[in-house]
Full PDB file with SEQRES, HELIX, SHEET, SSBOND, CRYST1, ORIGX, SCALE, CONECT and MASTER records, all heavy atoms in Angstrom:
SEQRES   1 A   36  VAL THR VAL GLU ALA SER SER ASP ILE GLN HIS GLY GLU          
SEQRES   2 A   36  LEU VAL ILE ASN ILE GLU ALA ASN ARG VAL THR TYR GLN          
SEQRES   3 A   36  GLY LYS GLU ILE GLU LEU SER THR SER LEU                      
SHEET    1 AA1 4 ILE A   9  HIS A  11  0                                        
SHEET    2 AA1 4 LEU A  14  ASN A  17 -1                                        
SHEET    3 AA1 4 ARG A  22  TYR A  25 -1                                        
SHEET    4 AA1 4 LYS A  28  ILE A  30 -1                                        
CRYST1    1.000    1.000    1.000  90.00  90.00  90.00 P 1           1          
ORIGX1      1.000000  0.000000  0.000000        0.00000                         
ORIGX2      0.000000  1.000000  0.000000        0.00000                         
ORIGX3      0.000000  0.000000  1.000000        0.00000                         
SCALE1      1.000000  0.000000  0.000000        0.00000                         
SCALE2      0.000000  1.000000  0.000000        0.00000                         
SCALE3      0.000000  0.000000  1.000000        0.00000                         
ATOM      1  N   VAL A   1     -34.877 113.192 177.408  1.00  0.00           N  
ATOM      2  CA  VAL A   1     -33.455 113.117 177.134  1.00  0.00           C  
ATOM      3  C   VAL A   1     -33.009 114.353 176.322  1.00  0.00           C  
ATOM      4  O   VAL A   1     -33.444 114.586 175.258  1.00  0.00           O  
ATOM      5  CB  VAL A   1     -33.002 111.892 176.392  1.00  0.00           C  
ATOM      6  CG1 VAL A   1     -31.449 111.741 176.184  1.00  0.00           C  
ATOM      7  CG2 VAL A   1     -33.383 110.718 177.254  1.00  0.00           C  
ATOM      8  N   THR A   2     -32.075 115.170 176.851  1.00  0.00           N  
ATOM      9  CA  THR A   2     -31.625 116.313 176.109  1.00  0.00           C  
ATOM     10  C   THR A   2     -30.472 115.852 175.248  1.00  0.00           C  
ATOM     11  O   THR A   2     -29.782 114.889 175.557  1.00  0.00           O  
ATOM     12  CB  THR A   2     -31.260 117.437 176.930  1.00  0.00           C  
ATOM     13  OG1 THR A   2     -30.132 116.922 177.970  1.00  0.00           O  
ATOM     14  CG2 THR A   2     -32.420 117.961 177.908  1.00  0.00           C  
ATOM     15  N   VAL A   3     -30.257 116.585 174.202  1.00  0.00           N  
ATOM     16  CA  VAL A   3     -29.098 116.297 173.337  1.00  0.00           C  
ATOM     17  C   VAL A   3     -27.784 116.601 174.207  1.00  0.00           C  
ATOM     18  O   VAL A   3     -27.746 117.538 175.025  1.00  0.00           O  
ATOM     19  CB  VAL A   3     -29.002 117.334 172.148  1.00  0.00           C  
ATOM     20  CG1 VAL A   3     -27.760 117.127 171.295  1.00  0.00           C  
ATOM     21  CG2 VAL A   3     -30.247 117.118 171.244  1.00  0.00           C  
ATOM     22  N   GLU A   4     -26.822 115.704 174.084  1.00  0.00           N  
ATOM     23  CA  GLU A   4     -25.702 115.769 174.936  1.00  0.00           C  
ATOM     24  C   GLU A   4     -25.157 117.078 174.985  1.00  0.00           C  
ATOM     25  O   GLU A   4     -24.756 117.774 173.990  1.00  0.00           O  
ATOM     26  CB  GLU A   4     -24.600 114.754 174.332  1.00  0.00           C  
ATOM     27  CG  GLU A   4     -23.402 114.821 175.147  1.00  0.00           C  
ATOM     28  CD  GLU A   4     -22.309 113.820 174.544  1.00  0.00           C  
ATOM     29  OE1 GLU A   4     -22.699 113.080 173.664  1.00  0.00           O  
ATOM     30  OE2 GLU A   4     -21.224 113.818 174.972  1.00  0.00           O  
ATOM     31  N   ALA A   5     -25.018 117.756 176.202  1.00  0.00           N  
ATOM     32  CA  ALA A   5     -24.705 119.084 176.311  1.00  0.00           C  
ATOM     33  C   ALA A   5     -23.115 119.181 176.268  1.00  0.00           C  
ATOM     34  O   ALA A   5     -22.413 118.454 176.789  1.00  0.00           O  
ATOM     35  CB  ALA A   5     -25.104 119.645 177.642  1.00  0.00           C  
ATOM     36  N   SER A   6     -22.721 120.212 175.568  1.00  0.00           N  
ATOM     37  CA  SER A   6     -21.223 120.460 175.433  1.00  0.00           C  
ATOM     38  C   SER A   6     -21.085 121.797 174.663  1.00  0.00           C  
ATOM     39  O   SER A   6     -22.022 122.520 174.609  1.00  0.00           O  
ATOM     40  CB  SER A   6     -20.498 119.313 174.635  1.00  0.00           C  
ATOM     41  OG  SER A   6     -20.782 119.324 173.396  1.00  0.00           O  
ATOM     42  N   SER A   7     -19.925 122.055 174.293  1.00  0.00           N  
ATOM     43  CA  SER A   7     -19.792 123.245 173.405  1.00  0.00           C  
ATOM     44  C   SER A   7     -20.454 123.245 172.157  1.00  0.00           C  
ATOM     45  O   SER A   7     -20.894 122.181 171.825  1.00  0.00           O  
ATOM     46  CB  SER A   7     -18.240 123.507 173.186  1.00  0.00           C  
ATOM     47  OG  SER A   7     -17.688 122.416 172.565  1.00  0.00           O  
ATOM     48  N   ASP A   8     -20.479 124.372 171.454  1.00  0.00           N  
ATOM     49  CA  ASP A   8     -21.172 124.430 170.167  1.00  0.00           C  
ATOM     50  C   ASP A   8     -20.507 123.395 169.114  1.00  0.00           C  
ATOM     51  O   ASP A   8     -19.339 123.149 169.313  1.00  0.00           O  
ATOM     52  CB  ASP A   8     -21.170 125.911 169.553  1.00  0.00           C  
ATOM     53  CG  ASP A   8     -22.034 126.782 170.355  1.00  0.00           C  
ATOM     54  OD1 ASP A   8     -22.673 126.347 171.280  1.00  0.00           O  
ATOM     55  OD2 ASP A   8     -21.894 127.975 170.040  1.00  0.00           O  
ATOM     56  N   ILE A   9     -21.273 123.019 168.226  1.00  0.00           N  
ATOM     57  CA  ILE A   9     -20.735 122.196 167.158  1.00  0.00           C  
ATOM     58  C   ILE A   9     -20.617 123.095 165.895  1.00  0.00           C  
ATOM     59  O   ILE A   9     -21.519 123.845 165.607  1.00  0.00           O  
ATOM     60  CB  ILE A   9     -21.711 120.994 166.817  1.00  0.00           C  
ATOM     61  CG1 ILE A   9     -21.901 120.088 168.001  1.00  0.00           C  
ATOM     62  CG2 ILE A   9     -21.168 120.218 165.626  1.00  0.00           C  
ATOM     63  CD1 ILE A   9     -23.087 119.127 167.719  1.00  0.00           C  
ATOM     64  N   GLN A  10     -19.383 123.096 165.352  1.00  0.00           N  
ATOM     65  CA  GLN A  10     -19.229 123.938 164.161  1.00  0.00           C  
ATOM     66  C   GLN A  10     -18.460 123.269 163.154  1.00  0.00           C  
ATOM     67  O   GLN A  10     -17.466 122.557 163.345  1.00  0.00           O  
ATOM     68  CB  GLN A  10     -18.445 125.278 164.455  1.00  0.00           C  
ATOM     69  CG  GLN A  10     -18.321 126.179 163.278  1.00  0.00           C  
ATOM     70  CD  GLN A  10     -17.828 127.593 163.714  1.00  0.00           C  
ATOM     71  OE1 GLN A  10     -17.680 127.906 164.813  1.00  0.00           O  
ATOM     72  NE2 GLN A  10     -17.651 128.506 162.694  1.00  0.00           N  
ATOM     73  N   HIS A  11     -19.007 123.289 161.904  1.00  0.00           N  
ATOM     74  CA  HIS A  11     -18.342 122.726 160.628  1.00  0.00           C  
ATOM     75  C   HIS A  11     -18.443 123.834 159.589  1.00  0.00           C  
ATOM     76  O   HIS A  11     -19.503 124.059 159.092  1.00  0.00           O  
ATOM     77  CB  HIS A  11     -18.971 121.418 160.162  1.00  0.00           C  
ATOM     78  CG  HIS A  11     -18.890 120.274 161.178  1.00  0.00           C  
ATOM     79  ND1 HIS A  11     -17.709 119.707 161.368  1.00  0.00           N  
ATOM     80  CD2 HIS A  11     -19.798 119.693 162.048  1.00  0.00           C  
ATOM     81  CE1 HIS A  11     -17.777 118.735 162.313  1.00  0.00           C  
ATOM     82  NE2 HIS A  11     -19.079 118.711 162.674  1.00  0.00           N  
ATOM     83  N   GLY A  12     -17.345 124.537 159.307  1.00  0.00           N  
ATOM     84  CA  GLY A  12     -17.379 125.529 158.240  1.00  0.00           C  
ATOM     85  C   GLY A  12     -18.462 126.642 158.735  1.00  0.00           C  
ATOM     86  O   GLY A  12     -18.386 127.216 159.808  1.00  0.00           O  
ATOM     87  N   GLU A  13     -19.384 126.793 157.843  1.00  0.00           N  
ATOM     88  CA  GLU A  13     -20.425 127.970 158.093  1.00  0.00           C  
ATOM     89  C   GLU A  13     -21.639 127.485 158.892  1.00  0.00           C  
ATOM     90  O   GLU A  13     -22.554 128.102 159.066  1.00  0.00           O  
ATOM     91  CB  GLU A  13     -20.789 128.477 156.786  1.00  0.00           C  
ATOM     92  CG  GLU A  13     -19.620 129.152 155.966  1.00  0.00           C  
ATOM     93  CD  GLU A  13     -20.144 129.827 154.761  1.00  0.00           C  
ATOM     94  OE1 GLU A  13     -20.443 129.005 153.822  1.00  0.00           O  
ATOM     95  OE2 GLU A  13     -20.297 131.114 154.608  1.00  0.00           O  
ATOM     96  N   LEU A  14     -21.643 126.225 159.283  1.00  0.00           N  
ATOM     97  CA  LEU A  14     -22.774 125.607 160.058  1.00  0.00           C  
ATOM     98  C   LEU A  14     -22.283 125.656 161.528  1.00  0.00           C  
ATOM     99  O   LEU A  14     -21.329 125.214 161.859  1.00  0.00           O  
ATOM    100  CB  LEU A  14     -22.916 124.166 159.575  1.00  0.00           C  
ATOM    101  CG  LEU A  14     -23.995 123.421 160.565  1.00  0.00           C  
ATOM    102  CD1 LEU A  14     -25.428 123.891 160.253  1.00  0.00           C  
ATOM    103  CD2 LEU A  14     -23.933 121.819 160.302  1.00  0.00           C  
ATOM    104  N   VAL A  15     -23.185 126.310 162.296  1.00  0.00           N  
ATOM    105  CA  VAL A  15     -22.879 126.407 163.773  1.00  0.00           C  
ATOM    106  C   VAL A  15     -24.155 125.978 164.477  1.00  0.00           C  
ATOM    107  O   VAL A  15     -25.319 126.416 164.249  1.00  0.00           O  
ATOM    108  CB  VAL A  15     -22.634 127.931 164.206  1.00  0.00           C  
ATOM    109  CG1 VAL A  15     -22.435 127.990 165.694  1.00  0.00           C  
ATOM    110  CG2 VAL A  15     -21.382 128.396 163.428  1.00  0.00           C  
ATOM    111  N   ILE A  16     -24.081 124.958 165.443  1.00  0.00           N  
ATOM    112  CA  ILE A  16     -25.119 124.413 166.225  1.00  0.00           C  
ATOM    113  C   ILE A  16     -24.850 124.743 167.645  1.00  0.00           C  
ATOM    114  O   ILE A  16     -23.940 124.201 168.259  1.00  0.00           O  
ATOM    115  CB  ILE A  16     -25.239 122.902 165.954  1.00  0.00           C  
ATOM    116  CG1 ILE A  16     -25.404 122.455 164.504  1.00  0.00           C  
ATOM    117  CG2 ILE A  16     -26.458 122.354 166.824  1.00  0.00           C  
ATOM    118  CD1 ILE A  16     -25.267 121.053 164.156  1.00  0.00           C  
ATOM    119  N   ASN A  17     -25.837 125.534 168.208  1.00  0.00           N  
ATOM    120  CA  ASN A  17     -25.752 125.909 169.674  1.00  0.00           C  
ATOM    121  C   ASN A  17     -26.616 124.895 170.359  1.00  0.00           C  
ATOM    122  O   ASN A  17     -27.814 125.056 170.307  1.00  0.00           O  
ATOM    123  CB  ASN A  17     -26.183 127.404 169.827  1.00  0.00           C  
ATOM    124  CG  ASN A  17     -26.019 127.790 171.273  1.00  0.00           C  
ATOM    125  OD1 ASN A  17     -26.413 127.128 172.211  1.00  0.00           O  
ATOM    126  ND2 ASN A  17     -25.255 128.861 171.500  1.00  0.00           N  
ATOM    127  N   ILE A  18     -26.046 123.965 171.073  1.00  0.00           N  
ATOM    128  CA  ILE A  18     -26.760 122.914 171.783  1.00  0.00           C  
ATOM    129  C   ILE A  18     -27.722 123.438 172.793  1.00  0.00           C  
ATOM    130  O   ILE A  18     -28.963 123.227 172.829  1.00  0.00           O  
ATOM    131  CB  ILE A  18     -25.920 121.850 172.350  1.00  0.00           C  
ATOM    132  CG1 ILE A  18     -24.903 121.234 171.371  1.00  0.00           C  
ATOM    133  CG2 ILE A  18     -26.672 120.765 173.104  1.00  0.00           C  
ATOM    134  CD1 ILE A  18     -25.503 120.528 170.239  1.00  0.00           C  
ATOM    135  N   GLU A  19     -27.245 124.240 173.691  1.00  0.00           N  
ATOM    136  CA  GLU A  19     -27.981 124.724 174.834  1.00  0.00           C  
ATOM    137  C   GLU A  19     -29.167 125.655 174.397  1.00  0.00           C  
ATOM    138  O   GLU A  19     -30.251 125.632 174.954  1.00  0.00           O  
ATOM    139  CB  GLU A  19     -27.165 125.556 175.801  1.00  0.00           C  
ATOM    140  CG  GLU A  19     -26.028 124.614 176.559  1.00  0.00           C  
ATOM    141  CD  GLU A  19     -25.269 125.433 177.642  1.00  0.00           C  
ATOM    142  OE1 GLU A  19     -25.603 126.616 177.858  1.00  0.00           O  
ATOM    143  OE2 GLU A  19     -24.428 124.821 178.276  1.00  0.00           O  
ATOM    144  N   ALA A  20     -28.947 126.482 173.339  1.00  0.00           N  
ATOM    145  CA  ALA A  20     -29.997 127.438 172.860  1.00  0.00           C  
ATOM    146  C   ALA A  20     -30.957 126.725 171.842  1.00  0.00           C  
ATOM    147  O   ALA A  20     -31.889 127.254 171.391  1.00  0.00           O  
ATOM    148  CB  ALA A  20     -29.339 128.650 172.295  1.00  0.00           C  
ATOM    149  N   ASN A  21     -30.617 125.419 171.376  1.00  0.00           N  
ATOM    150  CA  ASN A  21     -31.352 124.777 170.435  1.00  0.00           C  
ATOM    151  C   ASN A  21     -31.474 125.570 169.265  1.00  0.00           C  
ATOM    152  O   ASN A  21     -32.518 125.734 168.578  1.00  0.00           O  
ATOM    153  CB  ASN A  21     -32.791 124.545 170.988  1.00  0.00           C  
ATOM    154  CG  ASN A  21     -33.410 123.226 170.329  1.00  0.00           C  
ATOM    155  OD1 ASN A  21     -32.796 122.232 170.249  1.00  0.00           O  
ATOM    156  ND2 ASN A  21     -34.653 123.382 169.926  1.00  0.00           N  
ATOM    157  N   ARG A  22     -30.288 126.100 168.723  1.00  0.00           N  
ATOM    158  CA  ARG A  22     -30.215 127.062 167.688  1.00  0.00           C  
ATOM    159  C   ARG A  22     -29.272 126.626 166.624  1.00  0.00           C  
ATOM    160  O   ARG A  22     -28.137 126.204 166.843  1.00  0.00           O  
ATOM    161  CB  ARG A  22     -29.923 128.445 168.206  1.00  0.00           C  
ATOM    162  CG  ARG A  22     -29.918 129.607 167.226  1.00  0.00           C  
ATOM    163  CD  ARG A  22     -29.752 130.887 168.001  1.00  0.00           C  
ATOM    164  NE  ARG A  22     -29.747 132.076 167.144  1.00  0.00           N  
ATOM    165  CZ  ARG A  22     -28.647 132.635 166.789  1.00  0.00           C  
ATOM    166  NH1 ARG A  22     -27.486 132.309 167.271  1.00  0.00           N  
ATOM    167  NH2 ARG A  22     -28.712 133.730 165.937  1.00  0.00           N  
ATOM    168  N   VAL A  23     -29.690 126.837 165.368  1.00  0.00           N  
ATOM    169  CA  VAL A  23     -28.707 126.516 164.179  1.00  0.00           C  
ATOM    170  C   VAL A  23     -28.614 127.630 163.265  1.00  0.00           C  
ATOM    171  O   VAL A  23     -29.691 128.268 162.866  1.00  0.00           O  
ATOM    172  CB  VAL A  23     -29.326 125.258 163.374  1.00  0.00           C  
ATOM    173  CG1 VAL A  23     -28.493 125.014 162.212  1.00  0.00           C  
ATOM    174  CG2 VAL A  23     -29.465 123.998 164.255  1.00  0.00           C  
ATOM    175  N   THR A  24     -27.375 128.039 162.912  1.00  0.00           N  
ATOM    176  CA  THR A  24     -27.258 128.958 161.990  1.00  0.00           C  
ATOM    177  C   THR A  24     -26.237 128.494 160.792  1.00  0.00           C  
ATOM    178  O   THR A  24     -25.390 127.624 161.075  1.00  0.00           O  
ATOM    179  CB  THR A  24     -26.503 130.310 162.516  1.00  0.00           C  
ATOM    180  OG1 THR A  24     -25.324 129.847 163.075  1.00  0.00           O  
ATOM    181  CG2 THR A  24     -27.369 130.947 163.547  1.00  0.00           C  
ATOM    182  N   TYR A  25     -26.592 128.930 159.542  1.00  0.00           N  
ATOM    183  CA  TYR A  25     -25.786 128.538 158.418  1.00  0.00           C  
ATOM    184  C   TYR A  25     -25.590 129.715 157.533  1.00  0.00           C  
ATOM    185  O   TYR A  25     -26.547 130.390 157.246  1.00  0.00           O  
ATOM    186  CB  TYR A  25     -26.454 127.311 157.663  1.00  0.00           C  
ATOM    187  CG  TYR A  25     -25.636 126.999 156.443  1.00  0.00           C  
ATOM    188  CD1 TYR A  25     -24.352 126.531 156.504  1.00  0.00           C  
ATOM    189  CD2 TYR A  25     -26.408 126.822 155.212  1.00  0.00           C  
ATOM    190  CE1 TYR A  25     -23.607 126.107 155.442  1.00  0.00           C  
ATOM    191  CE2 TYR A  25     -25.730 126.430 154.126  1.00  0.00           C  
ATOM    192  CZ  TYR A  25     -24.265 126.029 154.171  1.00  0.00           C  
ATOM    193  OH  TYR A  25     -23.581 125.642 153.054  1.00  0.00           O  
ATOM    194  N   GLN A  26     -24.323 129.971 157.129  1.00  0.00           N  
ATOM    195  CA  GLN A  26     -23.964 131.150 156.377  1.00  0.00           C  
ATOM    196  C   GLN A  26     -24.521 132.431 157.079  1.00  0.00           C  
ATOM    197  O   GLN A  26     -25.072 133.366 156.367  1.00  0.00           O  
ATOM    198  CB  GLN A  26     -24.479 130.998 154.970  1.00  0.00           C  
ATOM    199  CG  GLN A  26     -23.815 129.832 154.192  1.00  0.00           C  
ATOM    200  CD  GLN A  26     -24.386 129.619 152.677  1.00  0.00           C  
ATOM    201  OE1 GLN A  26     -25.402 129.896 152.498  1.00  0.00           O  
ATOM    202  NE2 GLN A  26     -23.481 129.028 151.964  1.00  0.00           N  
ATOM    203  N   GLY A  27     -24.510 132.477 158.339  1.00  0.00           N  
ATOM    204  CA  GLY A  27     -24.948 133.611 159.050  1.00  0.00           C  
ATOM    205  C   GLY A  27     -26.445 133.843 159.232  1.00  0.00           C  
ATOM    206  O   GLY A  27     -26.968 134.713 159.907  1.00  0.00           O  
ATOM    207  N   LYS A  28     -27.196 132.821 158.692  1.00  0.00           N  
ATOM    208  CA  LYS A  28     -28.592 133.002 158.820  1.00  0.00           C  
ATOM    209  C   LYS A  28     -29.181 131.822 159.753  1.00  0.00           C  
ATOM    210  O   LYS A  28     -28.738 130.733 159.751  1.00  0.00           O  
ATOM    211  CB  LYS A  28     -29.389 132.689 157.477  1.00  0.00           C  
ATOM    212  CG  LYS A  28     -28.975 133.835 156.413  1.00  0.00           C  
ATOM    213  CD  LYS A  28     -29.699 133.629 155.121  1.00  0.00           C  
ATOM    214  CE  LYS A  28     -29.316 134.767 154.181  1.00  0.00           C  
ATOM    215  NZ  LYS A  28     -29.939 134.530 152.837  1.00  0.00           N  
ATOM    216  N   GLU A  29     -30.210 132.212 160.643  1.00  0.00           N  
ATOM    217  CA  GLU A  29     -30.762 131.165 161.479  1.00  0.00           C  
ATOM    218  C   GLU A  29     -31.637 130.257 160.760  1.00  0.00           C  
ATOM    219  O   GLU A  29     -32.389 130.651 159.932  1.00  0.00           O  
ATOM    220  CB  GLU A  29     -31.527 131.881 162.615  1.00  0.00           C  
ATOM    221  CG  GLU A  29     -31.976 130.918 163.741  1.00  0.00           C  
ATOM    222  CD  GLU A  29     -32.345 131.640 164.966  1.00  0.00           C  
ATOM    223  OE1 GLU A  29     -32.156 132.865 165.092  1.00  0.00           O  
ATOM    224  OE2 GLU A  29     -32.901 130.885 165.943  1.00  0.00           O  
ATOM    225  N   ILE A  30     -31.576 128.967 161.082  1.00  0.00           N  
ATOM    226  CA  ILE A  30     -32.404 127.920 160.411  1.00  0.00           C  
ATOM    227  C   ILE A  30     -33.258 127.275 161.423  1.00  0.00           C  
ATOM    228  O   ILE A  30     -32.887 126.849 162.483  1.00  0.00           O  
ATOM    229  CB  ILE A  30     -31.389 126.749 159.838  1.00  0.00           C  
ATOM    230  CG1 ILE A  30     -30.318 127.393 159.030  1.00  0.00           C  
ATOM    231  CG2 ILE A  30     -32.316 125.758 159.122  1.00  0.00           C  
ATOM    232  CD1 ILE A  30     -30.782 127.984 157.734  1.00  0.00           C  
ATOM    233  N   GLU A  31     -34.568 127.328 161.090  1.00  0.00           N  
ATOM    234  CA  GLU A  31     -35.645 126.718 162.070  1.00  0.00           C  
ATOM    235  C   GLU A  31     -35.731 125.243 161.745  1.00  0.00           C  
ATOM    236  O   GLU A  31     -35.973 124.867 160.623  1.00  0.00           O  
ATOM    237  CB  GLU A  31     -36.912 127.421 161.837  1.00  0.00           C  
ATOM    238  CG  GLU A  31     -36.911 128.944 162.333  1.00  0.00           C  
ATOM    239  CD  GLU A  31     -38.307 129.502 162.329  1.00  0.00           C  
ATOM    240  OE1 GLU A  31     -39.279 128.797 162.206  1.00  0.00           O  
ATOM    241  OE2 GLU A  31     -38.352 130.848 162.681  1.00  0.00           O  
ATOM    242  N   LEU A  32     -35.584 124.489 162.778  1.00  0.00           N  
ATOM    243  CA  LEU A  32     -35.811 123.009 162.646  1.00  0.00           C  
ATOM    244  C   LEU A  32     -36.676 122.403 163.755  1.00  0.00           C  
ATOM    245  O   LEU A  32     -36.715 123.050 164.895  1.00  0.00           O  
ATOM    246  CB  LEU A  32     -34.337 122.319 162.821  1.00  0.00           C  
ATOM    247  CG  LEU A  32     -33.297 122.631 161.727  1.00  0.00           C  
ATOM    248  CD1 LEU A  32     -32.062 121.875 162.193  1.00  0.00           C  
ATOM    249  CD2 LEU A  32     -33.684 122.197 160.375  1.00  0.00           C  
ATOM    250  N   SER A  33     -37.418 121.399 163.418  1.00  0.00           N  
ATOM    251  CA  SER A  33     -38.244 120.738 164.365  1.00  0.00           C  
ATOM    252  C   SER A  33     -37.293 120.135 165.417  1.00  0.00           C  
ATOM    253  O   SER A  33     -36.100 119.883 165.184  1.00  0.00           O  
ATOM    254  CB  SER A  33     -39.103 119.763 163.722  1.00  0.00           C  
ATOM    255  OG  SER A  33     -38.361 118.585 163.237  1.00  0.00           O  
ATOM    256  N   THR A  34     -37.905 119.702 166.513  1.00  0.00           N  
ATOM    257  CA  THR A  34     -37.106 118.978 167.522  1.00  0.00           C  
ATOM    258  C   THR A  34     -36.397 117.644 167.070  1.00  0.00           C  
ATOM    259  O   THR A  34     -35.146 117.467 167.295  1.00  0.00           O  
ATOM    260  CB  THR A  34     -37.938 118.612 168.867  1.00  0.00           C  
ATOM    261  OG1 THR A  34     -38.598 119.790 169.270  1.00  0.00           O  
ATOM    262  CG2 THR A  34     -37.147 117.920 169.860  1.00  0.00           C  
ATOM    263  N   SER A  35     -37.065 116.931 166.327  1.00  0.00           N  
ATOM    264  CA  SER A  35     -36.602 115.696 165.685  1.00  0.00           C  
ATOM    265  C   SER A  35     -35.384 116.100 164.703  1.00  0.00           C  
ATOM    266  O   SER A  35     -34.426 115.287 164.744  1.00  0.00           O  
ATOM    267  CB  SER A  35     -37.662 114.910 165.053  1.00  0.00           C  
ATOM    268  OG  SER A  35     -38.542 114.450 166.026  1.00  0.00           O  
ATOM    269  N   LEU A  36     -35.620 117.042 163.807  1.00  0.00           N  
ATOM    270  CA  LEU A  36     -34.578 117.356 162.878  1.00  0.00           C  
ATOM    271  C   LEU A  36     -33.348 117.864 163.496  1.00  0.00           C  
ATOM    272  O   LEU A  36     -32.215 117.555 163.160  1.00  0.00           O  
ATOM    273  CB  LEU A  36     -35.166 118.302 161.831  1.00  0.00           C  
ATOM    274  CG  LEU A  36     -36.074 117.743 160.767  1.00  0.00           C  
ATOM    275  CD1 LEU A  36     -36.562 118.844 159.895  1.00  0.00           C  
ATOM    276  CD2 LEU A  36     -35.359 116.770 159.780  1.00  0.00           C  
TER     277      LEU A  36                                                      
MASTER        0    0    0    0    4    0    0    6  276    1    0    3          
END                                                                             
């Protein structure tokens, strides 16, 4: 089951790119496990 696909999630300086499985905060990429 993939995370529900849609546009990016953004709250302030936190940006979550669903399709790319990518998280950035304050302009820096944050590495997270699949579960996190």
